[in-house]
């Protein structure tokens, strides 16, 4: 070797991505890497969505005819109970925080991982155990009580083993949620990079911080309630069973003290996704950043004070009902602050209709309908006649399923290039978004009308005059399933045929887009300095292969 050749620097080897850091199934199942845990959550949550969706399709096919000829009444009761439990506890609640949040939070903070990586892995395995227990209920006789598990019906001896297994599943899955919330709170508190104060956080982190507060405070109440119901069923302690001196309405208070804040565990992360996508694809800094950030905390706080609106017909006092009604309408204010600030961000923006942004536009429409119809259920005069009708079913599907699911799909398409290093087909993404929007509205708008006409929820048969409403809902369910299937097919196809994603394909300014796509195991070689939130100055588009770069970046 000549002297000149010896002085040449050795070529730098590219740093392997987190997908290549360790091989074999054990490297995934026992990983402490937040990105791999997020991907595993995504797969598990996708399986839960598939299972819950299959239950829903059977229900809709059964309701094609007024007499409901597909399954028995008993099987129908078990199907709608498990459909609700699986979709709520295994998909909607953990969907955005556990899958997308696990992947994105450390990257947006410029950190190498969450504050407690082992706790993060434990939370995933607790989720898997809880999900497995829900599946076990299928072979343990099932449960036919409705997902709310109201006593005394749910605690009768005739309910069998399935009810006990379901209560255990709720208890275990609740611990997974608590640990995830604790991890996010600790990480956002202690691991912000230099230059990132509280009002330098991306709004997705503000949303997850508020969500973590709810998870840590309210979820233990659900766990204790499930444990009390389990013990009451076994040992007749007289907690909720009236024949032993218990109070079934007490169960409702405990259950809804968790389950209404759980609505905000679902919707706040969705709002965080919307804040990120709206700003990036409007090419404008977010309007009213501090108002949006603090409105997340306001929603979390007020959300603890409204559980009684689920109990207007339970016999509680008029004064209590009036107070809960007022507080229910009050929580609309911070939600409206977010919506109007998002619209102001879009005003005169250079809006780019990529797939994530189209899903966000569908979110606006669906969340708007869900919020406005919630006013009817928050007001005493209209809630009482609409209680336990299909109007309620349609309302909570608009808020808890439609809004959360479209935001989840927006976030998944937004961060998919970062997660996989591959770009998907925009045409497939746009068609799937249109099908999801049309299918969802065709499924649930007729249910508003059926509810006003008096159709009760959870019935396996109905009056012949409501057959058109139900058949439209069934057709819509199949269109929705087609849209979701097309979205999944497009994302999976990108893994094989998609072009390589640049580090920053969208022109975003937050720190996760400063890492390669997909990121390496340690995310960043050195801790980056935080940019100003939603500052697009200096970003310029180079090419489809190189994406967007900030001027002055080598």
Protein backbone atom coordinates (compact mmCIF):
# COMPACT_ATOMS: atom_id res chain seq x y z
CA UNK A 1 0.00 0.00 0.00
CA UNK A 2 1.37 3.41 -0.96
CA UNK A 3 1.60 6.23 1.53
CA UNK A 4 -1.02 8.23 -0.35
CA UNK A 5 -3.43 5.32 -0.38
CA UNK A 6 -2.91 4.72 3.32
CA UNK A 7 -4.01 8.29 4.04
CA UNK A 8 -7.39 7.89 2.26
CA UNK A 9 -10.32 7.68 4.70
CA UNK A 10 -12.15 4.38 4.89
CA UNK A 11 -15.61 4.52 3.30
CA UNK A 12 -18.34 5.03 5.88
CA UNK A 13 -20.69 2.13 6.28
CA UNK A 14 -24.35 3.13 6.44
CA UNK A 15 -25.81 2.73 9.92
CA UNK A 16 -28.29 -0.17 9.88
CA UNK A 17 -31.90 0.73 10.53
CA UNK A 18 -33.84 -0.50 13.55
CA UNK A 19 -35.38 -3.15 11.25
CA UNK A 20 -31.92 -4.62 10.65
CA UNK A 21 -30.61 -4.30 14.21
CA UNK A 22 -30.80 -7.91 15.34
CA UNK A 23 -32.47 -10.74 13.49
CA UNK A 24 -34.85 -13.48 14.44
CA UNK A 25 -38.13 -13.55 16.31
CA UNK A 26 -36.47 -13.26 19.73
CA UNK A 27 -34.90 -9.94 18.76
CA UNK A 28 -38.44 -8.64 18.30
CA UNK A 29 -40.31 -10.32 21.13
CA UNK A 30 -37.79 -9.20 23.77
CA UNK A 31 -36.71 -5.91 22.24
CA UNK A 32 -36.44 -2.73 24.28
CA UNK A 33 -36.47 -0.53 21.16
CA UNK A 34 -39.53 1.71 21.24
CA UNK A 35 -39.81 1.55 17.45
CA UNK A 36 -40.04 -2.23 17.34
CA UNK A 37 -42.49 -2.23 20.24
CA UNK A 38 -44.59 0.31 18.34
CA UNK A 39 -44.57 -1.93 15.25
CA UNK A 40 -45.59 -4.96 17.34
CA UNK A 41 -48.40 -2.92 18.87
CA UNK A 42 -49.46 -1.94 15.37
CA UNK A 43 -49.69 -5.58 14.28
CA UNK A 44 -51.60 -6.62 17.42
CA UNK A 45 -54.00 -3.67 17.19
CA UNK A 46 -54.56 -4.41 13.50
CA UNK A 47 -55.50 -7.99 14.42
CA UNK A 48 -57.95 -6.65 17.03
CA UNK A 49 -59.52 -4.35 14.41
CA UNK A 50 -59.92 -7.32 12.07
CA UNK A 51 -61.56 -9.46 14.77
CA UNK A 52 -63.89 -6.70 15.95
CA UNK A 53 -64.73 -5.86 12.34
CA UNK A 54 -65.65 -9.46 11.57
CA UNK A 55 -68.05 -9.45 14.52
CA UNK A 56 -69.59 -6.23 13.20
CA UNK A 57 -70.08 -7.67 9.71
CA UNK A 58 -71.94 -10.66 11.13
CA UNK A 59 -74.17 -8.29 13.12
CA UNK A 60 -74.96 -6.19 10.07
CA UNK A 61 -75.75 -9.25 7.93
CA UNK A 62 -78.04 -10.53 10.68
CA UNK A 63 -79.96 -7.23 10.62
CA UNK A 64 -80.53 -7.37 6.85
CA UNK A 65 -84.02 -8.69 7.59
CA UNK A 66 -86.34 -7.52 10.41
CA UNK A 67 -86.58 -10.99 11.91
CA UNK A 68 -82.78 -11.43 11.92
CA UNK A 69 -82.33 -14.94 10.50
CA UNK A 70 -78.52 -15.31 10.45
CA UNK A 71 -77.68 -16.19 14.09
CA UNK A 72 -79.65 -16.97 17.23
CA UNK A 73 -80.61 -14.23 19.66
CA UNK A 74 -78.11 -15.59 22.17
CA UNK A 75 -75.30 -15.59 19.62
CA UNK A 76 -76.26 -12.06 18.57
CA UNK A 77 -75.96 -10.84 22.18
CA UNK A 78 -72.53 -12.41 22.52
CA UNK A 79 -71.33 -11.00 19.20
CA UNK A 80 -72.26 -7.39 19.92
CA UNK A 81 -70.76 -7.64 23.42
CA UNK A 82 -67.42 -8.92 22.16
CA UNK A 83 -67.50 -6.52 19.21
CA UNK A 84 -67.75 -3.59 21.60
CA UNK A 85 -65.19 -4.91 24.09
CA UNK A 86 -62.59 -5.79 21.45
CA UNK A 87 -62.96 -2.55 19.50
CA UNK A 88 -62.86 -0.31 22.57
CA UNK A 89 -60.28 -1.99 24.82
CA UNK A 90 -58.02 -3.49 22.13
CA UNK A 91 -58.24 -1.08 19.18
CA UNK A 92 -59.61 2.39 19.85
CA UNK A 93 -58.05 3.10 23.27
CA UNK A 94 -54.50 1.81 22.55
CA UNK A 95 -54.51 2.46 18.78
CA UNK A 96 -52.79 5.83 18.39
CA UNK A 97 -50.88 6.09 21.72
CA UNK A 98 -49.49 2.55 21.83
CA UNK A 99 -48.68 2.07 18.14
CA UNK A 100 -47.94 5.51 16.67
CA UNK A 101 -47.06 7.17 19.99
CA UNK A 102 -44.53 4.51 20.93
CA UNK A 103 -42.79 4.96 17.61
CA UNK A 104 -42.90 8.74 17.37
CA UNK A 105 -42.53 10.19 20.89
CA UNK A 106 -38.77 9.63 21.39
CA UNK A 107 -38.06 10.68 17.81
CA UNK A 108 -39.95 13.96 18.25
CA UNK A 109 -37.91 14.58 21.42
CA UNK A 110 -34.58 13.72 19.79
CA UNK A 111 -34.20 10.94 22.38
CA UNK A 112 -32.94 7.38 21.97
CA UNK A 113 -35.91 5.72 23.65
CA UNK A 114 -38.70 6.20 26.16
CA UNK A 115 -37.81 6.87 29.78
CA UNK A 116 -38.55 3.26 30.84
CA UNK A 117 -37.88 0.82 27.97
CA UNK A 118 -38.49 -2.32 30.05
CA UNK A 119 -41.78 -0.95 31.33
CA UNK A 120 -42.69 -0.27 27.70
CA UNK A 121 -42.09 -3.90 26.77
CA UNK A 122 -44.07 -5.03 29.84
CA UNK A 123 -47.00 -2.86 28.77
CA UNK A 124 -47.01 -4.56 25.37
CA UNK A 125 -47.05 -8.04 26.84
CA UNK A 126 -49.81 -7.08 29.27
CA UNK A 127 -51.80 -5.90 26.25
CA UNK A 128 -51.20 -9.27 24.54
CA UNK A 129 -52.31 -11.17 27.66
CA UNK A 130 -55.45 -9.03 27.93
CA UNK A 131 -56.23 -9.57 24.26
CA UNK A 132 -55.71 -13.32 24.63
CA UNK A 133 -58.13 -13.40 27.56
CA UNK A 134 -60.79 -11.67 25.46
CA UNK A 135 -60.29 -14.34 22.79
CA UNK A 136 -60.57 -17.05 25.47
CA UNK A 137 -64.06 -15.79 26.28
CA UNK A 138 -65.11 -17.12 22.86
CA UNK A 139 -64.42 -20.69 24.00
CA UNK A 140 -65.48 -20.07 27.62
CA UNK A 141 -69.12 -19.60 26.79
CA UNK A 142 -68.91 -15.98 25.65
CA UNK A 143 -70.44 -12.95 27.35
CA UNK A 144 -73.83 -11.46 26.49
CA UNK A 145 -74.04 -8.51 28.87
CA UNK A 146 -72.98 -5.66 26.59
CA UNK A 147 -69.47 -4.25 26.78
CA UNK A 148 -70.40 -2.15 29.84
CA UNK A 149 -70.85 -5.32 31.94
CA UNK A 150 -73.67 -3.81 34.03
CA UNK A 151 -74.72 -5.74 37.15
CA UNK A 152 -76.89 -7.34 38.32
CA UNK A 153 -77.28 -9.06 34.94
CA UNK A 154 -73.53 -9.42 34.39
CA UNK A 155 -72.87 -10.95 37.81
CA UNK A 156 -75.62 -13.57 37.88
CA UNK A 157 -74.55 -17.19 38.35
CA UNK A 158 -75.84 -18.05 34.88
CA UNK A 159 -73.22 -15.89 33.20
CA UNK A 160 -70.60 -18.62 33.76
CA UNK A 161 -66.84 -18.55 33.22
CA UNK A 162 -66.84 -16.17 30.26
CA UNK A 163 -67.75 -13.17 32.41
CA UNK A 164 -64.92 -13.84 34.86
CA UNK A 165 -62.44 -14.15 32.01
CA UNK A 166 -63.69 -10.88 30.51
CA UNK A 167 -63.30 -9.04 33.82
CA UNK A 168 -59.75 -10.40 34.09
CA UNK A 169 -59.05 -9.22 30.53
CA UNK A 170 -60.21 -5.69 31.35
CA UNK A 171 -58.09 -5.69 34.50
CA UNK A 172 -54.90 -6.78 32.70
CA UNK A 173 -55.40 -4.53 29.67
CA UNK A 174 -55.93 -1.60 32.05
CA UNK A 175 -52.46 -2.05 33.50
CA UNK A 176 -51.00 -1.88 29.99
CA UNK A 177 -52.71 1.48 29.48
CA UNK A 178 -51.49 2.81 32.85
CA UNK A 179 -47.87 1.90 32.14
CA UNK A 180 -47.99 3.48 28.69
CA UNK A 181 -49.35 6.72 30.15
CA UNK A 182 -46.70 6.80 32.88
CA UNK A 183 -43.94 6.26 30.35
CA UNK A 184 -45.15 9.10 28.12
CA UNK A 185 -45.47 11.53 31.03
CA UNK A 186 -41.98 10.74 32.34
CA UNK A 187 -40.43 10.89 28.86
CA UNK A 188 -41.97 14.24 27.93
CA UNK A 189 -41.05 15.70 31.34
CA UNK A 190 -37.45 14.56 31.52
CA UNK A 191 -36.14 13.89 28.01
CA UNK A 192 -36.81 17.06 26.04
CA UNK A 193 -33.78 18.12 23.99
CA UNK A 194 -31.86 21.39 24.39
CA UNK A 195 -33.96 24.32 23.27
CA UNK A 196 -37.35 22.57 23.65
CA UNK A 197 -39.46 24.10 26.42
CA UNK A 198 -43.05 23.20 27.13
CA UNK A 199 -44.29 25.49 24.39
CA UNK A 200 -41.75 24.09 21.97
CA UNK A 201 -43.33 20.63 22.03
CA UNK A 202 -45.05 19.30 18.91
CA UNK A 203 -48.77 19.28 19.55
CA UNK A 204 -48.84 15.49 19.19
CA UNK A 205 -46.76 15.34 22.37
CA UNK A 206 -49.12 17.73 24.16
CA UNK A 207 -52.01 15.46 23.21
CA UNK A 208 -50.23 12.33 24.46
CA UNK A 209 -49.23 14.11 27.67
CA UNK A 210 -52.86 14.98 28.39
CA UNK A 211 -53.84 11.43 27.45
CA UNK A 212 -51.24 10.06 29.87
CA UNK A 213 -52.78 12.09 32.70
CA UNK A 214 -56.18 10.52 32.02
CA UNK A 215 -54.71 7.03 31.71
CA UNK A 216 -52.87 7.27 35.04
CA UNK A 217 -55.76 8.78 37.01
CA UNK A 218 -58.84 7.06 35.59
CA UNK A 219 -57.70 3.60 34.47
CA UNK A 220 -57.01 2.35 38.03
CA UNK A 221 -60.69 3.01 38.77
CA UNK A 222 -61.64 0.65 35.95
CA UNK A 223 -59.18 -1.97 37.20
CA UNK A 224 -60.54 -1.75 40.76
CA UNK A 225 -64.12 -1.92 39.47
CA UNK A 226 -63.34 -5.02 37.40
CA UNK A 227 -61.64 -6.63 40.41
CA UNK A 228 -64.61 -5.78 42.64
CA UNK A 229 -67.02 -7.28 40.13
CA UNK A 230 -64.85 -10.40 39.87
CA UNK A 231 -64.83 -10.86 43.65
CA UNK A 232 -68.52 -10.00 43.99
CA UNK A 233 -69.35 -12.65 41.41
CA UNK A 234 -67.24 -15.30 43.19
CA UNK A 235 -67.82 -14.53 46.86
CA UNK A 236 -71.08 -12.51 46.98
CA UNK A 237 -69.49 -9.63 48.88
CA UNK A 238 -72.51 -7.37 48.42
CA UNK A 239 -70.69 -4.68 46.44
CA UNK A 240 -72.89 -4.45 43.35
CA UNK A 241 -75.39 -7.31 43.72
CA UNK A 242 -78.66 -6.04 45.25
CA UNK A 243 -79.67 -9.45 46.64
CA UNK A 244 -76.58 -9.32 48.86
CA UNK A 245 -76.98 -5.67 49.84
CA UNK A 246 -74.96 -4.19 46.96
CA UNK A 247 -75.76 -1.25 44.68
CA UNK A 248 -75.66 -1.81 40.89
CA UNK A 249 -75.79 1.95 40.30
CA UNK A 250 -72.49 2.24 42.19
CA UNK A 251 -70.95 0.08 39.47
CA UNK A 252 -72.23 2.55 36.86
CA UNK A 253 -70.62 5.48 38.69
CA UNK A 254 -67.27 3.69 38.90
CA UNK A 255 -67.46 2.40 35.34
CA UNK A 256 -68.31 5.74 33.73
CA UNK A 257 -65.85 7.66 35.88
CA UNK A 258 -63.27 5.79 33.79
CA UNK A 259 -65.17 5.18 30.58
CA UNK A 260 -66.09 8.75 29.76
CA UNK A 261 -62.54 10.04 30.27
CA UNK A 262 -61.62 7.02 28.13
CA UNK A 263 -63.39 8.78 25.27
CA UNK A 264 -60.69 11.44 25.55
CA UNK A 265 -57.98 8.75 25.77
CA UNK A 266 -59.29 7.88 22.31
CA UNK A 267 -59.86 11.31 20.80
CA UNK A 268 -57.01 13.42 22.23
CA UNK A 269 -54.24 11.46 20.44
CA UNK A 270 -56.35 11.69 17.28
CA UNK A 271 -56.44 15.47 17.71
CA UNK A 272 -52.66 15.46 18.12
CA UNK A 273 -52.28 13.66 14.79
CA UNK A 274 -54.59 16.18 13.13
CA UNK A 275 -52.51 19.10 14.45
CA UNK A 276 -49.34 17.65 12.91
CA UNK A 277 -50.88 16.82 9.54
CA UNK A 278 -52.88 20.05 9.10
CA UNK A 279 -49.83 22.25 9.62
CA UNK A 280 -47.50 20.24 7.38
CA UNK A 281 -49.91 19.89 4.46
CA UNK A 282 -51.12 23.49 4.69
CA UNK A 283 -47.47 24.66 4.61
CA UNK A 284 -48.24 27.05 7.48
CA UNK A 285 -47.29 27.25 11.14
CA UNK A 286 -50.11 26.06 13.36
CA UNK A 287 -52.52 28.85 14.24
CA UNK A 288 -53.05 29.42 17.97
CA UNK A 289 -50.42 26.94 19.13
CA UNK A 290 -50.82 27.71 22.84
CA UNK A 291 -54.59 27.54 22.69
CA UNK A 292 -54.47 24.10 21.05
CA UNK A 293 -51.87 22.88 23.56
CA UNK A 294 -53.75 24.09 26.63
CA UNK A 295 -57.10 22.94 25.28
CA UNK A 296 -55.75 19.37 25.46
CA UNK A 297 -55.18 19.83 29.20
CA UNK A 298 -58.62 21.46 29.56
CA UNK A 299 -60.30 18.50 27.87
CA UNK A 300 -58.43 16.11 30.18
CA UNK A 301 -59.53 18.03 33.29
CA UNK A 302 -63.19 18.63 32.34
CA UNK A 303 -63.47 15.07 31.06
CA UNK A 304 -63.30 13.78 34.64
CA UNK A 305 -66.43 15.74 35.60
CA UNK A 306 -69.01 14.60 33.05
CA UNK A 307 -69.51 10.86 33.64
CA UNK A 308 -73.03 11.34 35.03
CA UNK A 309 -74.52 12.19 31.64
CA UNK A 310 -74.48 8.43 30.97
CA UNK A 311 -76.83 8.02 33.93
CA UNK A 312 -79.65 10.50 33.32
CA UNK A 313 -82.20 7.65 33.47
CA UNK A 314 -80.58 5.82 36.42
CA UNK A 315 -82.56 7.66 39.09
CA UNK A 316 -79.93 10.23 40.08
CA UNK A 317 -81.18 13.57 41.39
CA UNK A 318 -82.33 16.36 39.08
CA UNK A 319 -79.63 18.64 40.44
CA UNK A 320 -76.91 16.11 39.65
CA UNK A 321 -78.31 15.63 36.15
CA UNK A 322 -78.39 19.40 35.54
CA UNK A 323 -74.77 19.78 36.72
CA UNK A 324 -73.57 16.91 34.55
CA UNK A 325 -75.50 18.28 31.58
CA UNK A 326 -73.87 21.70 31.98
CA UNK A 327 -70.38 20.22 32.29
CA UNK A 328 -70.98 17.99 29.27
CA UNK A 329 -71.77 21.00 27.12
CA UNK A 330 -68.81 22.88 28.63
CA UNK A 331 -66.31 20.31 27.33
CA UNK A 332 -67.31 21.30 23.80
CA UNK A 333 -65.46 24.63 24.20
CA UNK A 334 -61.86 23.32 24.18
CA UNK A 335 -62.80 20.92 21.38
CA UNK A 336 -64.18 23.81 19.35
CA UNK A 337 -60.99 25.81 20.03
CA UNK A 338 -59.01 23.06 18.32
CA UNK A 339 -61.32 22.83 15.33
CA UNK A 340 -61.41 26.57 14.65
CA UNK A 341 -57.63 26.85 15.02
CA UNK A 342 -57.13 23.99 12.56
CA UNK A 343 -59.42 25.73 10.07
CA UNK A 344 -57.54 29.00 10.62
CA UNK A 345 -54.29 27.16 9.93
CA UNK A 346 -55.69 25.95 6.61
CA UNK A 347 -57.00 29.40 5.67
CA UNK A 348 -54.92 30.76 2.79
CA UNK A 349 -52.52 27.87 3.18
CA UNK A 350 -50.90 26.05 0.28
CA UNK A 351 -52.93 22.91 0.96
CA UNK A 352 -51.48 19.68 -0.45
CA UNK A 353 -54.05 16.89 -0.79
CA UNK A 354 -51.86 13.93 0.03
CA UNK A 355 -53.43 10.86 1.65
CA UNK A 356 -52.82 11.95 5.29
CA UNK A 357 -54.45 15.32 4.64
CA UNK A 358 -57.46 13.76 2.92
CA UNK A 359 -58.01 11.51 5.92
CA UNK A 360 -57.84 14.60 8.15
CA UNK A 361 -60.51 16.32 6.05
CA UNK A 362 -62.74 13.29 6.57
CA UNK A 363 -61.95 13.57 10.29
CA UNK A 364 -63.30 17.14 10.31
CA UNK A 365 -66.61 16.06 8.78
CA UNK A 366 -67.05 12.97 10.97
CA UNK A 367 -65.94 14.62 14.21
CA UNK A 368 -68.19 17.58 13.47
CA UNK A 369 -71.26 15.38 13.14
CA UNK A 370 -70.28 13.36 16.20
CA UNK A 371 -69.78 16.48 18.30
CA UNK A 372 -73.00 18.17 17.24
CA UNK A 373 -75.12 15.07 17.83
CA UNK A 374 -73.50 14.79 21.26
CA UNK A 375 -75.30 18.01 22.19
CA UNK A 376 -78.63 16.14 21.90
CA UNK A 377 -77.36 13.47 24.29
CA UNK A 378 -75.86 15.96 26.73
CA UNK A 379 -79.12 17.88 27.09
CA UNK A 380 -81.67 16.32 29.44
CA UNK A 381 -84.74 17.09 27.33
CA UNK A 382 -83.47 15.17 24.30
CA UNK A 383 -81.31 12.53 25.96
CA UNK A 384 -84.16 10.81 27.79
CA UNK A 385 -86.23 9.93 24.68
CA UNK A 386 -83.09 9.06 22.70
CA UNK A 387 -81.50 6.96 25.46
CA UNK A 388 -80.59 3.41 24.39
CA UNK A 389 -81.72 3.96 20.79
CA UNK A 390 -79.68 3.66 17.62
CA UNK A 391 -79.13 7.42 17.79
CA UNK A 392 -76.70 6.73 20.65
CA UNK A 393 -75.03 3.96 18.64
CA UNK A 394 -74.52 6.27 15.67
CA UNK A 395 -73.24 9.13 17.85
CA UNK A 396 -70.55 7.19 19.66
CA UNK A 397 -69.45 5.47 16.46
CA UNK A 398 -68.98 8.88 14.83
CA UNK A 399 -66.84 10.10 17.74
CA UNK A 400 -65.09 6.97 18.99
CA UNK A 401 -64.76 4.98 15.78
CA UNK A 402 -65.05 7.33 12.81
CA UNK A 403 -63.03 10.26 14.12
CA UNK A 404 -60.42 8.12 15.86
CA UNK A 405 -60.07 5.68 12.97
CA UNK A 406 -59.67 8.36 10.28
CA UNK A 407 -57.08 10.15 12.43
CA UNK A 408 -55.32 6.82 13.04
CA UNK A 409 -55.21 6.20 9.27
CA UNK A 410 -53.97 9.76 8.71
CA UNK A 411 -51.16 9.26 11.23
CA UNK A 412 -50.32 5.81 9.89
CA UNK A 413 -49.97 7.13 6.33
CA UNK A 414 -48.10 10.20 7.58
CA UNK A 415 -45.48 8.26 9.53
CA UNK A 416 -45.46 5.11 7.34
CA UNK A 417 -42.43 6.29 5.29
CA UNK A 418 -40.56 6.93 8.55
CA UNK A 419 -41.54 3.55 9.98
CA UNK A 420 -40.79 1.44 6.92
CA UNK A 421 -38.53 3.52 4.68
CA UNK A 422 -40.98 3.05 1.80
CA UNK A 423 -43.48 5.30 0.04
CA UNK A 424 -46.95 3.97 -0.72
CA UNK A 425 -49.17 4.57 -3.75
CA UNK A 426 -50.95 7.90 -3.40
CA UNK A 427 -53.68 6.79 -5.77
CA UNK A 428 -54.49 3.76 -3.63
CA UNK A 429 -54.40 5.89 -0.48
CA UNK A 430 -56.80 8.50 -1.89
CA UNK A 431 -59.27 5.90 -3.17
CA UNK A 432 -59.23 4.10 0.19
CA UNK A 433 -59.86 7.39 2.03
CA UNK A 434 -62.87 8.10 -0.18
CA UNK A 435 -64.29 4.61 0.36
CA UNK A 436 -63.79 4.85 4.14
CA UNK A 437 -65.61 8.19 4.24
CA UNK A 438 -68.53 7.09 2.06
CA UNK A 439 -68.82 3.69 3.75
CA UNK A 440 -68.73 5.10 7.25
CA UNK A 441 -71.43 7.69 6.61
CA UNK A 442 -73.60 5.20 4.75
CA UNK A 443 -73.31 2.87 7.74
CA UNK A 444 -74.13 5.25 10.56
CA UNK A 445 -76.20 8.18 9.23
CA UNK A 446 -79.21 5.87 8.72
CA UNK A 447 -78.80 4.77 12.33
CA UNK A 448 -79.43 8.34 13.51
CA UNK A 449 -82.73 8.25 11.63
CA UNK A 450 -83.59 4.77 12.93
CA UNK A 451 -82.89 5.94 16.49
CA UNK A 452 -85.15 8.97 16.15
CA UNK A 453 -87.82 6.62 14.77
CA UNK A 454 -87.52 4.60 17.99
CA UNK A 455 -85.31 1.62 17.11
CA UNK A 456 -83.68 0.40 20.35
CA UNK A 457 -80.04 -0.60 20.40
CA UNK A 458 -78.87 -4.18 20.98
CA UNK A 459 -82.06 -5.77 19.65
CA UNK A 460 -81.70 -8.77 17.32
CA UNK A 461 -85.00 -7.96 15.55
CA UNK A 462 -86.78 -4.73 14.62
CA UNK A 463 -89.98 -3.31 13.12
CA UNK A 464 -90.37 -3.91 9.34
CA UNK A 465 -90.68 -0.17 8.76
CA UNK A 466 -86.97 0.24 9.59
CA UNK A 467 -85.69 -2.26 7.03
CA UNK A 468 -84.39 0.44 4.64
CA UNK A 469 -82.30 2.07 7.39
CA UNK A 470 -80.73 -1.25 8.34
CA UNK A 471 -80.02 -2.37 4.79
CA UNK A 472 -78.32 0.93 4.00
CA UNK A 473 -76.20 0.43 7.13
CA UNK A 474 -75.25 -3.07 6.03
CA UNK A 475 -74.25 -1.92 2.53
CA UNK A 476 -72.24 0.90 4.10
CA UNK A 477 -70.44 -1.55 6.38
CA UNK A 478 -69.22 -3.50 3.36
CA UNK A 479 -68.08 -0.32 1.60
CA UNK A 480 -66.21 0.69 4.77
CA UNK A 481 -64.60 -2.76 4.98
CA UNK A 482 -63.55 -2.44 1.32
CA UNK A 483 -61.93 0.94 2.03
CA UNK A 484 -60.03 -0.37 5.05
CA UNK A 485 -58.93 -3.45 3.11
CA UNK A 486 -57.67 -1.30 0.24
CA UNK A 487 -55.74 0.93 2.67
CA UNK A 488 -54.10 -2.15 4.19
CA UNK A 489 -53.30 -3.60 0.76
CA UNK A 490 -51.71 -0.33 -0.37
CA UNK A 491 -49.49 -0.09 2.70
CA UNK A 492 -48.41 -3.73 2.51
CA UNK A 493 -47.72 -3.45 -1.22
CA UNK A 494 -45.38 -0.53 -0.53
CA UNK A 495 -43.12 -2.82 1.51
CA UNK A 496 -42.29 -4.72 -1.67
CA UNK A 497 -42.82 -2.23 -4.48
CA UNK A 498 -42.68 1.20 -2.89
CA UNK A 499 -39.81 3.52 -3.71
CA UNK A 500 -37.38 4.36 -0.95
CA UNK A 501 -38.53 7.14 1.32
CA UNK A 502 -36.26 10.14 1.94
CA UNK A 503 -35.67 11.36 5.47
CA UNK A 504 -38.31 14.10 5.08
CA UNK A 505 -40.82 13.33 2.31
CA UNK A 506 -43.51 15.79 3.47
CA UNK A 507 -41.51 18.92 4.34
CA UNK A 508 -42.22 18.66 8.07
CA UNK A 509 -40.19 20.54 10.68
CA UNK A 510 -40.33 18.27 13.75
CA UNK A 511 -37.34 16.22 14.85
CA UNK A 512 -38.49 12.76 13.74
CA UNK A 513 -37.97 13.88 10.14
CA UNK A 514 -34.32 14.71 10.86
CA UNK A 515 -33.61 10.99 11.33
CA UNK A 516 -33.15 8.64 8.35
CA UNK A 517 -36.10 6.64 7.05
CA UNK A 518 -36.29 4.12 8.67
CA UNK A 519 -34.37 5.38 11.72
CA UNK A 520 -31.34 3.55 13.13
CA UNK A 521 -31.57 1.66 16.42
CA UNK A 522 -30.40 4.66 18.49
CA UNK A 523 -32.41 7.21 16.44
CA UNK A 524 -29.73 9.95 16.45
CA UNK A 525 -25.94 9.83 16.64
CA UNK A 526 -25.98 12.90 18.89
CA UNK A 527 -28.83 14.68 20.65
CA UNK A 528 -30.21 17.20 18.13
CA UNK A 529 -31.17 20.73 19.04
CA UNK A 530 -34.88 21.35 18.79
CA UNK A 531 -36.23 23.62 16.05
CA UNK A 532 -39.04 26.04 16.67
CA UNK A 533 -42.34 24.16 16.38
CA UNK A 534 -43.91 24.29 12.93
CA UNK A 535 -41.17 26.52 11.52
CA UNK A 536 -40.93 25.83 7.78
CA UNK A 537 -38.50 28.64 6.99
CA UNK A 538 -35.47 27.33 5.17
CA UNK A 539 -37.04 24.05 4.09
CA UNK A 540 -36.81 23.41 0.36
CA UNK A 541 -37.85 20.52 -1.84
CA UNK A 542 -34.93 18.86 -3.65
CA UNK A 543 -36.37 15.82 -5.42
CA UNK A 544 -38.65 12.83 -4.86
CA UNK A 545 -35.57 10.79 -3.93
CA UNK A 546 -34.05 13.33 -1.53
CA UNK A 547 -37.23 14.93 -0.21
CA UNK A 548 -37.10 18.18 1.73
CA UNK A 549 -33.95 19.54 3.32
CA UNK A 550 -33.30 22.57 5.48
CA UNK A 551 -30.92 25.10 4.00
CA UNK A 552 -27.50 24.82 5.58
CA UNK A 553 -27.92 21.07 6.20
CA UNK A 554 -25.11 19.08 4.60
